[in-house]
């Protein structure tokens, strides 16, 4: 890994959470997290915050990434206006 790659992956990513459908709106919808963290940390945070086991999570209202994806990879490919937009729902919102 080059120094450029390591500095990019160590970068903090702004995550913006948006409730979809009947999902409750969180008190904190925007936060920073290390780019090296896996997406499962975002999923676990939402699950704990809304206190529900069933959760559907999408990036940019388009697709559901795997829990082992790194946040920086998702941000680099799908980030908008300096943020990674994550939509969450308690029931299936998109096919």
PDB file of N, CA and C in Angstrom:
ATOM      1  N   UNK A   1       0.843  -1.167   0.000  1.00  0.00           N
ATOM      2  CA  UNK A   1       0.000   0.000   0.000  1.00  0.00           C
ATOM      3  C   UNK A   1       0.894   1.237   0.000  1.00  0.00           C
ATOM      4  N   UNK A   2       0.616   2.188  -0.883  1.00  0.00           N
ATOM      5  CA  UNK A   2       1.410   3.406  -0.948  1.00  0.00           C
ATOM      6  C   UNK A   2       0.946   4.376   0.124  1.00  0.00           C
ATOM      7  N   UNK A   3       1.728   5.425   0.349  1.00  0.00           N
ATOM      8  CA  UNK A   3       1.347   6.402   1.361  1.00  0.00           C
ATOM      9  C   UNK A   3       0.086   7.153   0.956  1.00  0.00           C
ATOM     10  N   UNK A   4      -0.140   7.340  -0.346  1.00  0.00           N
ATOM     11  CA  UNK A   4      -1.359   8.001  -0.813  1.00  0.00           C
ATOM     12  C   UNK A   4      -2.573   7.146  -0.496  1.00  0.00           C
ATOM     13  N   UNK A   5      -2.472   5.837  -0.730  1.00  0.00           N
ATOM     14  CA  UNK A   5      -3.585   4.944  -0.436  1.00  0.00           C
ATOM     15  C   UNK A   5      -3.883   4.898   1.055  1.00  0.00           C
ATOM     16  N   UNK A   6      -2.850   4.866   1.878  1.00  0.00           N
ATOM     17  CA  UNK A   6      -3.071   4.786   3.316  1.00  0.00           C
ATOM     18  C   UNK A   6      -3.666   6.080   3.855  1.00  0.00           C
ATOM     19  N   UNK A   7      -3.256   7.240   3.337  1.00  0.00           N
ATOM     20  CA  UNK A   7      -3.831   8.495   3.807  1.00  0.00           C
ATOM     21  C   UNK A   7      -5.270   8.648   3.342  1.00  0.00           C
ATOM     22  N   UNK A   8      -5.601   8.123   2.162  1.00  0.00           N
ATOM     23  CA  UNK A   8      -6.974   8.181   1.673  1.00  0.00           C
ATOM     24  C   UNK A   8      -7.877   7.297   2.515  1.00  0.00           C
ATOM     25  N   UNK A   9      -7.439   6.083   2.831  1.00  0.00           N
ATOM     26  CA  UNK A   9      -8.280   5.165   3.592  1.00  0.00           C
ATOM     27  C   UNK A   9      -8.390   5.568   5.060  1.00  0.00           C
ATOM     28  N   UNK A  10      -7.404   6.300   5.588  1.00  0.00           N
ATOM     29  CA  UNK A  10      -7.445   6.739   6.980  1.00  0.00           C
ATOM     30  C   UNK A  10      -8.318   7.979   7.145  1.00  0.00           C
ATOM     31  N   UNK A  11      -8.741   8.550   6.072  1.00  0.00           N
ATOM     32  CA  UNK A  11      -9.546   9.762   6.072  1.00  0.00           C
ATOM     33  C   UNK A  11     -10.916   9.518   6.712  1.00  0.00           C
ATOM     34  N   UNK A  12     -11.447  10.541   7.339  1.00  0.00           N
ATOM     35  CA  UNK A  12     -12.788  10.461   7.921  1.00  0.00           C
ATOM     36  C   UNK A  12     -13.820  10.706   6.823  1.00  0.00           C
ATOM     37  N   UNK A  13     -14.940  10.006   6.918  1.00  0.00           N
ATOM     38  CA  UNK A  13     -16.020  10.130   5.943  1.00  0.00           C
ATOM     39  C   UNK A  13     -17.257  10.651   6.666  1.00  0.00           C
ATOM     40  N   UNK A  14     -17.930  11.642   6.067  1.00  0.00           N
ATOM     41  CA  UNK A  14     -19.178  12.157   6.618  1.00  0.00           C
ATOM     42  C   UNK A  14     -20.306  11.261   6.125  1.00  0.00           C
ATOM     43  N   UNK A  15     -21.059  10.694   7.068  1.00  0.00           N
ATOM     44  CA  UNK A  15     -22.185   9.820   6.744  1.00  0.00           C
ATOM     45  C   UNK A  15     -23.464  10.570   7.088  1.00  0.00           C
ATOM     46  N   UNK A  16     -24.394  10.636   6.139  1.00  0.00           N
ATOM     47  CA  UNK A  16     -25.684  11.288   6.337  1.00  0.00           C
ATOM     48  C   UNK A  16     -26.763  10.220   6.299  1.00  0.00           C
ATOM     49  N   UNK A  17     -27.514  10.085   7.394  1.00  0.00           N
ATOM     50  CA  UNK A  17     -28.562   9.071   7.494  1.00  0.00           C
ATOM     51  C   UNK A  17     -29.919   9.692   7.195  1.00  0.00           C
ATOM     52  N   UNK A  18     -30.680   9.045   6.325  1.00  0.00           N
ATOM     53  CA  UNK A  18     -32.013   9.529   5.959  1.00  0.00           C
ATOM     54  C   UNK A  18     -33.037   8.426   6.180  1.00  0.00           C
ATOM     55  N   UNK A  19     -34.043   8.731   6.993  1.00  0.00           N
ATOM     56  CA  UNK A  19     -35.126   7.776   7.238  1.00  0.00           C
ATOM     57  C   UNK A  19     -35.993   7.675   5.990  1.00  0.00           C
ATOM     58  N   UNK A  20     -36.452   6.459   5.707  1.00  0.00           N
ATOM     59  CA  UNK A  20     -37.296   6.205   4.548  1.00  0.00           C
ATOM     60  C   UNK A  20     -38.514   5.414   5.013  1.00  0.00           C
ATOM     61  N   UNK A  21     -39.665   5.728   4.439  1.00  0.00           N
ATOM     62  CA  UNK A  21     -40.884   5.000   4.797  1.00  0.00           C
ATOM     63  C   UNK A  21     -41.277   5.256   6.238  1.00  0.00           C
ATOM     64  N   UNK A  22     -41.557   4.182   6.978  1.00  0.00           N
ATOM     65  CA  UNK A  22     -42.029   4.307   8.358  1.00  0.00           C
ATOM     66  C   UNK A  22     -40.904   4.287   9.392  1.00  0.00           C
ATOM     67  N   UNK A  23     -39.672   4.378   8.954  1.00  0.00           N
ATOM     68  CA  UNK A  23     -38.532   4.352   9.883  1.00  0.00           C
ATOM     69  C   UNK A  23     -38.496   5.634  10.713  1.00  0.00           C
ATOM     70  N   UNK A  24     -38.190   5.511  12.002  1.00  0.00           N
ATOM     71  CA  UNK A  24     -38.090   6.707  12.843  1.00  0.00           C
ATOM     72  C   UNK A  24     -36.871   7.552  12.462  1.00  0.00           C
ATOM     73  N   UNK A  25     -37.022   8.856  12.609  1.00  0.00           N
ATOM     74  CA  UNK A  25     -35.923   9.773  12.313  1.00  0.00           C
ATOM     75  C   UNK A  25     -34.998   9.815  13.526  1.00  0.00           C
ATOM     76  N   UNK A  26     -33.718   9.680  13.283  1.00  0.00           N
ATOM     77  CA  UNK A  26     -32.732   9.684  14.358  1.00  0.00           C
ATOM     78  C   UNK A  26     -32.439  11.104  14.825  1.00  0.00           C
ATOM     79  N   UNK A  27     -32.039  11.242  16.086  1.00  0.00           N
ATOM     80  CA  UNK A  27     -31.648  12.554  16.603  1.00  0.00           C
ATOM     81  C   UNK A  27     -30.370  13.028  15.931  1.00  0.00           C
ATOM     82  N   UNK A  28     -29.419  12.119  15.763  1.00  0.00           N
ATOM     83  CA  UNK A  28     -28.159  12.453  15.090  1.00  0.00           C
ATOM     84  C   UNK A  28     -28.159  11.775  13.731  1.00  0.00           C
ATOM     85  N   UNK A  29     -28.300  12.582  12.683  1.00  0.00           N
ATOM     86  CA  UNK A  29     -28.383  12.028  11.331  1.00  0.00           C
ATOM     87  C   UNK A  29     -27.097  12.207  10.539  1.00  0.00           C
ATOM     88  N   UNK A  30     -26.130  12.912  11.115  1.00  0.00           N
ATOM     89  CA  UNK A  30     -24.883  13.178  10.399  1.00  0.00           C
ATOM     90  C   UNK A  30     -23.714  12.980  11.355  1.00  0.00           C
ATOM     91  N   UNK A  31     -22.724  12.203  10.928  1.00  0.00           N
ATOM     92  CA  UNK A  31     -21.546  11.978  11.761  1.00  0.00           C
ATOM     93  C   UNK A  31     -20.362  11.611  10.885  1.00  0.00           C
ATOM     94  N   UNK A  32     -19.167  11.683  11.475  1.00  0.00           N
ATOM     95  CA  UNK A  32     -17.935  11.294  10.777  1.00  0.00           C
ATOM     96  C   UNK A  32     -17.460   9.967  11.333  1.00  0.00           C
ATOM     97  N   UNK A  33     -16.885   9.157  10.449  1.00  0.00           N
ATOM     98  CA  UNK A  33     -16.300   7.893  10.883  1.00  0.00           C
ATOM     99  C   UNK A  33     -15.074   7.600  10.043  1.00  0.00           C
ATOM    100  N   UNK A  34     -14.148   6.812  10.569  1.00  0.00           N
ATOM    101  CA  UNK A  34     -12.944   6.472   9.797  1.00  0.00           C
ATOM    102  C   UNK A  34     -13.303   5.721   8.519  1.00  0.00           C
ATOM    103  N   UNK A  35     -12.633   6.057   7.437  1.00  0.00           N
ATOM    104  CA  UNK A  35     -12.883   5.405   6.157  1.00  0.00           C
ATOM    105  C   UNK A  35     -12.541   3.933   6.153  1.00  0.00           C
ATOM    106  N   UNK A  36     -11.670   3.522   7.074  1.00  0.00           N
ATOM    107  CA  UNK A  36     -11.277   2.114   7.134  1.00  0.00           C
ATOM    108  C   UNK A  36     -12.340   1.236   7.783  1.00  0.00           C
ATOM    109  N   UNK A  37     -13.325   1.849   8.449  1.00  0.00           N
ATOM    110  CA  UNK A  37     -14.386   1.068   9.089  1.00  0.00           C
ATOM    111  C   UNK A  37     -15.244   0.366   8.048  1.00  0.00           C
ATOM    112  N   UNK A  38     -15.779  -0.764   8.433  1.00  0.00           N
ATOM    113  CA  UNK A  38     -16.679  -1.523   7.566  1.00  0.00           C
ATOM    114  C   UNK A  38     -18.087  -0.945   7.666  1.00  0.00           C
ATOM    115  N   UNK A  39     -18.891  -1.162   6.619  1.00  0.00           N
ATOM    116  CA  UNK A  39     -20.257  -0.642   6.571  1.00  0.00           C
ATOM    117  C   UNK A  39     -21.130  -1.249   7.670  1.00  0.00           C
ATOM    118  N   UNK A  40     -20.773  -2.403   8.190  1.00  0.00           N
ATOM    119  CA  UNK A  40     -21.543  -3.037   9.269  1.00  0.00           C
ATOM    120  C   UNK A  40     -21.629  -2.123  10.489  1.00  0.00           C
ATOM    121  N   UNK A  41     -20.639  -1.256  10.695  1.00  0.00           N
ATOM    122  CA  UNK A  41     -20.684  -0.321  11.828  1.00  0.00           C
ATOM    123  C   UNK A  41     -21.821   0.684  11.662  1.00  0.00           C
ATOM    124  N   UNK A  42     -22.075   1.112  10.429  1.00  0.00           N
ATOM    125  CA  UNK A  42     -23.198   2.014  10.155  1.00  0.00           C
ATOM    126  C   UNK A  42     -24.509   1.275  10.428  1.00  0.00           C
ATOM    127  N   UNK A  43     -24.605   0.048   9.935  1.00  0.00           N
ATOM    128  CA  UNK A  43     -25.814  -0.760  10.131  1.00  0.00           C
ATOM    129  C   UNK A  43     -26.077  -0.977  11.624  1.00  0.00           C
ATOM    130  N   UNK A  44     -25.046  -1.348  12.368  1.00  0.00           N
ATOM    131  CA  UNK A  44     -25.200  -1.582  13.812  1.00  0.00           C
ATOM    132  C   UNK A  44     -25.611  -0.311  14.548  1.00  0.00           C
ATOM    133  N   UNK A  45     -25.049   0.828  14.160  1.00  0.00           N
ATOM    134  CA  UNK A  45     -25.409   2.102  14.791  1.00  0.00           C
ATOM    135  C   UNK A  45     -26.894   2.399  14.589  1.00  0.00           C
ATOM    136  N   UNK A  46     -27.376   2.233  13.360  1.00  0.00           N
ATOM    137  CA  UNK A  46     -28.792   2.500  13.079  1.00  0.00           C
ATOM    138  C   UNK A  46     -29.669   1.521  13.858  1.00  0.00           C
ATOM    139  N   UNK A  47     -29.307   0.242  13.832  1.00  0.00           N
ATOM    140  CA  UNK A  47     -30.078  -0.792  14.539  1.00  0.00           C
ATOM    141  C   UNK A  47     -30.204  -0.481  16.034  1.00  0.00           C
ATOM    142  N   UNK A  48     -29.101  -0.097  16.660  1.00  0.00           N
ATOM    143  CA  UNK A  48     -29.129   0.262  18.085  1.00  0.00           C
ATOM    144  C   UNK A  48     -29.970   1.511  18.325  1.00  0.00           C
ATOM    145  N   UNK A  49     -29.866   2.476  17.421  1.00  0.00           N
ATOM    146  CA  UNK A  49     -30.562   3.748  17.604  1.00  0.00           C
ATOM    147  C   UNK A  49     -32.075   3.614  17.476  1.00  0.00           C
ATOM    148  N   UNK A  50     -32.535   2.797  16.534  1.00  0.00           N
ATOM    149  CA  UNK A  50     -33.988   2.654  16.349  1.00  0.00           C
ATOM    150  C   UNK A  50     -34.549   1.455  17.112  1.00  0.00           C
ATOM    151  N   UNK A  51     -33.668   0.662  17.708  1.00  0.00           N
ATOM    152  CA  UNK A  51     -34.034  -0.497  18.523  1.00  0.00           C
ATOM    153  C   UNK A  51     -34.935  -1.479  17.776  1.00  0.00           C
ATOM    154  N   UNK A  52     -34.515  -1.808  16.564  1.00  0.00           N
ATOM    155  CA  UNK A  52     -35.219  -2.809  15.754  1.00  0.00           C
ATOM    156  C   UNK A  52     -34.195  -3.720  15.103  1.00  0.00           C
ATOM    157  N   UNK A  53     -34.561  -4.986  14.988  1.00  0.00           N
ATOM    158  CA  UNK A  53     -33.654  -5.950  14.359  1.00  0.00           C
ATOM    159  C   UNK A  53     -33.765  -5.931  12.842  1.00  0.00           C
ATOM    160  N   UNK A  54     -34.996  -5.730  12.336  1.00  0.00           N
ATOM    161  CA  UNK A  54     -35.201  -5.715  10.890  1.00  0.00           C
ATOM    162  C   UNK A  54     -34.847  -4.336  10.358  1.00  0.00           C
ATOM    163  N   UNK A  55     -33.911  -4.305   9.431  1.00  0.00           N
ATOM    164  CA  UNK A  55     -33.443  -3.030   8.897  1.00  0.00           C
ATOM    165  C   UNK A  55     -33.010  -3.216   7.451  1.00  0.00           C
ATOM    166  N   UNK A  56     -33.435  -2.305   6.605  1.00  0.00           N
ATOM    167  CA  UNK A  56     -33.023  -2.289   5.203  1.00  0.00           C
ATOM    168  C   UNK A  56     -32.229  -1.011   4.991  1.00  0.00           C
ATOM    169  N   UNK A  57     -31.021  -1.146   4.458  1.00  0.00           N
ATOM    170  CA  UNK A  57     -30.113  -0.009   4.312  1.00  0.00           C
ATOM    171  C   UNK A  57     -29.688   0.112   2.858  1.00  0.00           C
ATOM    172  N   UNK A  58     -29.726   1.335   2.333  1.00  0.00           N
ATOM    173  CA  UNK A  58     -29.385   1.598   0.940  1.00  0.00           C
ATOM    174  C   UNK A  58     -28.443   2.792   0.857  1.00  0.00           C
ATOM    175  N   UNK A  59     -27.580   2.798  -0.122  1.00  0.00           N
ATOM    176  CA  UNK A  59     -26.728   3.951  -0.396  1.00  0.00           C
ATOM    177  C   UNK A  59     -27.354   4.705  -1.558  1.00  0.00           C
ATOM    178  N   UNK A  60     -27.593   5.999  -1.368  1.00  0.00           N
ATOM    179  CA  UNK A  60     -28.188   6.873  -2.391  1.00  0.00           C
ATOM    180  C   UNK A  60     -29.513   6.338  -2.928  1.00  0.00           C
ATOM    181  N   UNK A  61     -30.296   5.699  -2.091  1.00  0.00           N
ATOM    182  CA  UNK A  61     -31.603   5.148  -2.488  1.00  0.00           C
ATOM    183  C   UNK A  61     -31.495   4.182  -3.651  1.00  0.00           C
ATOM    184  N   UNK A  62     -30.335   3.601  -3.864  1.00  0.00           N
ATOM    185  CA  UNK A  62     -30.127   2.805  -5.067  1.00  0.00           C
ATOM    186  C   UNK A  62     -29.807   1.339  -4.809  1.00  0.00           C
ATOM    187  N   UNK A  63     -28.910   1.052  -3.891  1.00  0.00           N
ATOM    188  CA  UNK A  63     -28.499  -0.338  -3.689  1.00  0.00           C
ATOM    189  C   UNK A  63     -28.100  -0.562  -2.239  1.00  0.00           C
ATOM    190  N   UNK A  64     -28.098  -1.810  -1.854  1.00  0.00           N
ATOM    191  CA  UNK A  64     -27.728  -2.189  -0.497  1.00  0.00           C
ATOM    192  C   UNK A  64     -26.326  -2.799  -0.516  1.00  0.00           C
ATOM    193  N   UNK A  65     -25.336  -2.088   0.013  1.00  0.00           N
ATOM    194  CA  UNK A  65     -23.965  -2.617  -0.010  1.00  0.00           C
ATOM    195  C   UNK A  65     -23.779  -3.755   0.983  1.00  0.00           C
ATOM    196  N   UNK A  66     -22.756  -4.537   0.763  1.00  0.00           N
ATOM    197  CA  UNK A  66     -22.420  -5.614   1.685  1.00  0.00           C
ATOM    198  C   UNK A  66     -21.877  -5.053   2.981  1.00  0.00           C
ATOM    199  N   UNK A  67     -22.112  -5.740   4.086  1.00  0.00           N
ATOM    200  CA  UNK A  67     -21.636  -5.243   5.381  1.00  0.00           C
ATOM    201  C   UNK A  67     -20.117  -5.189   5.501  1.00  0.00           C
ATOM    202  N   UNK A  68     -19.402  -5.915   4.640  1.00  0.00           N
ATOM    203  CA  UNK A  68     -17.941  -5.917   4.720  1.00  0.00           C
ATOM    204  C   UNK A  68     -17.278  -4.878   3.818  1.00  0.00           C
ATOM    205  N   UNK A  69     -18.076  -4.068   3.120  1.00  0.00           N
ATOM    206  CA  UNK A  69     -17.527  -2.979   2.294  1.00  0.00           C
ATOM    207  C   UNK A  69     -16.915  -1.922   3.211  1.00  0.00           C
ATOM    208  N   UNK A  70     -15.818  -1.318   2.792  1.00  0.00           N
ATOM    209  CA  UNK A  70     -15.256  -0.227   3.593  1.00  0.00           C
ATOM    210  C   UNK A  70     -15.994   1.062   3.265  1.00  0.00           C
ATOM    211  N   UNK A  71     -16.123   1.903   4.267  1.00  0.00           N
ATOM    212  CA  UNK A  71     -16.852   3.161   4.117  1.00  0.00           C
ATOM    213  C   UNK A  71     -16.170   4.057   3.087  1.00  0.00           C
ATOM    214  N   UNK A  72     -14.844   4.080   3.055  1.00  0.00           N
ATOM    215  CA  UNK A  72     -14.128   4.939   2.104  1.00  0.00           C
ATOM    216  C   UNK A  72     -14.367   4.494   0.668  1.00  0.00           C
ATOM    217  N   UNK A  73     -14.459   3.188   0.422  1.00  0.00           N
ATOM    218  CA  UNK A  73     -14.743   2.707  -0.932  1.00  0.00           C
ATOM    219  C   UNK A  73     -16.136   3.136  -1.377  1.00  0.00           C
ATOM    220  N   UNK A  74     -17.110   3.016  -0.491  1.00  0.00           N
ATOM    221  CA  UNK A  74     -18.471   3.449  -0.820  1.00  0.00           C
ATOM    222  C   UNK A  74     -18.500   4.953  -1.077  1.00  0.00           C
ATOM    223  N   UNK A  75     -17.803   5.706  -0.228  1.00  0.00           N
ATOM    224  CA  UNK A  75     -17.756   7.161  -0.399  1.00  0.00           C
ATOM    225  C   UNK A  75     -17.081   7.543  -1.720  1.00  0.00           C
ATOM    226  N   UNK A  76     -15.947   6.936  -2.021  1.00  0.00           N
ATOM    227  CA  UNK A  76     -15.222   7.271  -3.254  1.00  0.00           C
ATOM    228  C   UNK A  76     -16.043   6.977  -4.500  1.00  0.00           C
ATOM    229  N   UNK A  77     -16.869   5.943  -4.460  1.00  0.00           N
ATOM    230  CA  UNK A  77     -17.654   5.568  -5.632  1.00  0.00           C
ATOM    231  C   UNK A  77     -19.050   6.173  -5.666  1.00  0.00           C
ATOM    232  N   UNK A  78     -19.640   6.448  -4.501  1.00  0.00           N
ATOM    233  CA  UNK A  78     -21.037   6.867  -4.471  1.00  0.00           C
ATOM    234  C   UNK A  78     -21.302   8.102  -3.621  1.00  0.00           C
ATOM    235  N   UNK A  79     -20.257   8.742  -3.102  1.00  0.00           N
ATOM    236  CA  UNK A  79     -20.438   9.934  -2.285  1.00  0.00           C
ATOM    237  C   UNK A  79     -20.978  11.098  -3.103  1.00  0.00           C
ATOM    238  N   UNK A  80     -21.802  11.919  -2.455  1.00  0.00           N
ATOM    239  CA  UNK A  80     -22.404  13.087  -3.106  1.00  0.00           C
ATOM    240  C   UNK A  80     -22.180  14.301  -2.207  1.00  0.00           C
ATOM    241  N   UNK A  81     -21.684  15.385  -2.781  1.00  0.00           N
ATOM    242  CA  UNK A  81     -21.469  16.643  -2.055  1.00  0.00           C
ATOM    243  C   UNK A  81     -20.678  16.441  -0.760  1.00  0.00           C
ATOM    244  N   UNK A  82     -19.660  15.597  -0.804  1.00  0.00           N
ATOM    245  CA  UNK A  82     -18.804  15.397   0.349  1.00  0.00           C
ATOM    246  C   UNK A  82     -19.382  14.497   1.430  1.00  0.00           C
ATOM    247  N   UNK A  83     -20.494  13.793   1.122  1.00  0.00           N
ATOM    248  CA  UNK A  83     -21.135  12.927   2.109  1.00  0.00           C
ATOM    249  C   UNK A  83     -21.474  11.579   1.495  1.00  0.00           C
ATOM    250  N   UNK A  84     -21.555  10.569   2.341  1.00  0.00           N
ATOM    251  CA  UNK A  84     -22.081   9.271   1.944  1.00  0.00           C
ATOM    252  C   UNK A  84     -23.514   9.227   2.467  1.00  0.00           C
ATOM    253  N   UNK A  85     -24.488   9.260   1.561  1.00  0.00           N
ATOM    254  CA  UNK A  85     -25.898   9.280   1.942  1.00  0.00           C
ATOM    255  C   UNK A  85     -26.388   7.843   2.116  1.00  0.00           C
ATOM    256  N   UNK A  86     -26.873   7.548   3.319  1.00  0.00           N
ATOM    257  CA  UNK A  86     -27.366   6.210   3.645  1.00  0.00           C
ATOM    258  C   UNK A  86     -28.841   6.318   4.017  1.00  0.00           C
ATOM    259  N   UNK A  87     -29.696   5.672   3.226  1.00  0.00           N
ATOM    260  CA  UNK A  87     -31.126   5.614   3.516  1.00  0.00           C
ATOM    261  C   UNK A  87     -31.394   4.337   4.298  1.00  0.00           C
ATOM    262  N   UNK A  88     -32.284   4.424   5.275  1.00  0.00           N
ATOM    263  CA  UNK A  88     -32.635   3.229   6.050  1.00  0.00           C
ATOM    264  C   UNK A  88     -34.151   3.146   6.201  1.00  0.00           C
ATOM    265  N   UNK A  89     -34.650   1.914   6.265  1.00  0.00           N
ATOM    266  CA  UNK A  89     -36.084   1.672   6.385  1.00  0.00           C
ATOM    267  C   UNK A  89     -36.314   0.426   7.234  1.00  0.00           C
ATOM    268  N   UNK A  90     -37.498   0.345   7.826  1.00  0.00           N
ATOM    269  CA  UNK A  90     -37.856  -0.823   8.636  1.00  0.00           C
ATOM    270  C   UNK A  90     -38.566  -1.882   7.803  1.00  0.00           C
ATOM    271  N   UNK A  91     -39.030  -1.499   6.618  1.00  0.00           N
ATOM    272  CA  UNK A  91     -39.627  -2.451   5.684  1.00  0.00           C
ATOM    273  C   UNK A  91     -39.007  -2.190   4.316  1.00  0.00           C
ATOM    274  N   UNK A  92     -39.120  -3.148   3.419  1.00  0.00           N
ATOM    275  CA  UNK A  92     -38.483  -3.029   2.104  1.00  0.00           C
ATOM    276  C   UNK A  92     -38.983  -1.769   1.390  1.00  0.00           C
ATOM    277  N   UNK A  93     -38.071  -0.881   1.051  1.00  0.00           N
ATOM    278  CA  UNK A  93     -38.444   0.389   0.432  1.00  0.00           C
ATOM    279  C   UNK A  93     -38.225   0.366  -1.076  1.00  0.00           C
ATOM    280  N   UNK A  94     -37.153  -0.254  -1.520  1.00  0.00           N
ATOM    281  CA  UNK A  94     -36.851  -0.361  -2.943  1.00  0.00           C
ATOM    282  C   UNK A  94     -36.586  -1.818  -3.264  1.00  0.00           C
ATOM    283  N   UNK A  95     -36.861  -2.201  -4.512  1.00  0.00           N
ATOM    284  CA  UNK A  95     -36.695  -3.591  -4.924  1.00  0.00           C
ATOM    285  C   UNK A  95     -35.288  -3.929  -5.136  1.00  0.00           C
TER     286      UNK A  95
END
